[in-house]
Protein backbone atom coordinates (compact mmCIF):
# COMPACT_ATOMS: atom_id res chain seq x y z
CA UNK A 1 66.11 104.22 83.58
CA UNK A 2 67.39 107.62 84.70
CA UNK A 3 68.39 106.19 88.12
CA UNK A 4 70.53 103.51 86.47
CA UNK A 5 72.29 106.13 84.34
CA UNK A 6 73.04 108.31 87.36
CA UNK A 7 74.27 105.31 89.37
CA UNK A 8 76.52 104.31 86.46
CA UNK A 9 77.93 107.84 86.30
CA UNK A 10 78.55 107.81 90.05
CA UNK A 11 80.35 104.46 89.82
CA UNK A 12 82.51 105.75 86.97
CA UNK A 13 83.35 108.85 89.01
CA UNK A 14 84.60 106.77 91.94
CA UNK A 15 86.63 104.52 89.62
CA UNK A 16 88.35 107.55 88.08
CA UNK A 17 88.99 109.05 91.51
CA UNK A 18 90.55 105.78 92.69
CA UNK A 19 92.81 105.75 89.59
CA UNK A 20 93.91 109.33 90.25
CA UNK A 21 94.69 108.50 93.88
CA UNK A 22 96.63 105.42 92.82
CA UNK A 23 98.72 107.44 90.36
CA UNK A 24 99.32 110.09 92.98
CA UNK A 25 99.97 107.85 96.04
CA UNK A 26 100.50 104.42 94.50
CA UNK A 27 104.28 104.37 94.64
CA UNK A 28 104.29 105.38 98.29
CA UNK A 29 101.85 102.62 99.17
CA UNK A 30 103.70 100.02 97.09
CA UNK A 31 107.05 100.84 98.70
CA UNK A 32 105.47 100.64 102.16
CA UNK A 33 103.85 97.24 101.57
CA UNK A 34 106.97 95.77 99.94
CA UNK A 35 109.06 96.92 102.90
CA UNK A 36 106.55 95.38 105.28
CA UNK A 37 106.61 92.10 103.34
CA UNK A 38 110.43 92.01 103.39
CA UNK A 39 110.46 92.54 107.16
CA UNK A 40 107.93 89.75 107.71
CA UNK A 41 109.85 87.42 105.40
CA UNK A 42 113.13 88.10 107.23
CA UNK A 43 111.57 87.47 110.63
CA UNK A 44 110.09 84.14 109.55
CA UNK A 45 113.26 82.76 107.99
CA UNK A 46 114.49 79.47 109.49
CA UNK A 47 118.28 79.62 109.80
CA UNK A 48 118.80 76.53 111.94
CA UNK A 49 116.83 73.67 113.44
CA UNK A 50 117.74 71.25 116.20
CA UNK A 51 116.99 67.57 115.62
CA UNK A 52 117.77 65.66 118.79
CA UNK A 53 121.40 66.50 119.55
CA UNK A 54 122.19 67.62 115.98
CA UNK A 55 121.76 71.21 114.78
CA UNK A 56 121.05 71.58 111.08
CA UNK A 57 122.29 74.87 109.60
CA UNK A 58 122.46 74.21 105.86
CA UNK A 59 119.28 75.31 104.03
CA UNK A 60 119.17 72.07 102.00
CA UNK A 61 119.45 69.93 105.15
CA UNK A 62 116.70 71.94 106.86
CA UNK A 63 114.41 71.68 103.83
CA UNK A 64 115.03 67.93 103.51
CA UNK A 65 114.36 67.32 107.21
CA UNK A 66 111.09 69.30 107.12
CA UNK A 67 109.92 67.55 103.93
CA UNK A 68 110.73 64.12 105.37
CA UNK A 69 109.00 64.97 108.64
CA UNK A 70 105.73 65.81 106.90
CA UNK A 71 106.01 62.88 104.47
CA UNK A 72 106.33 60.52 107.45
CA UNK A 73 103.56 62.31 109.30
CA UNK A 74 101.02 62.01 106.48
CA UNK A 75 102.02 58.67 104.92
CA UNK A 76 99.68 56.24 106.63
């Protein structure tokens, strides 16, 4: 019984410490991860795609071509 109480107190201590650290450093971490996500998103952006001799540059044309490609691929 006493062991469970002490373990509960220890768990509560670590939860409170994590909250304090989040309040203290949370904004720094959030800004860092959002910046990292923006960089990854920018690097993975498809701006053009070549289909045979034609180069598609309009986002709607690219999206339509990709959707049609996979519809044809999986429609057996």
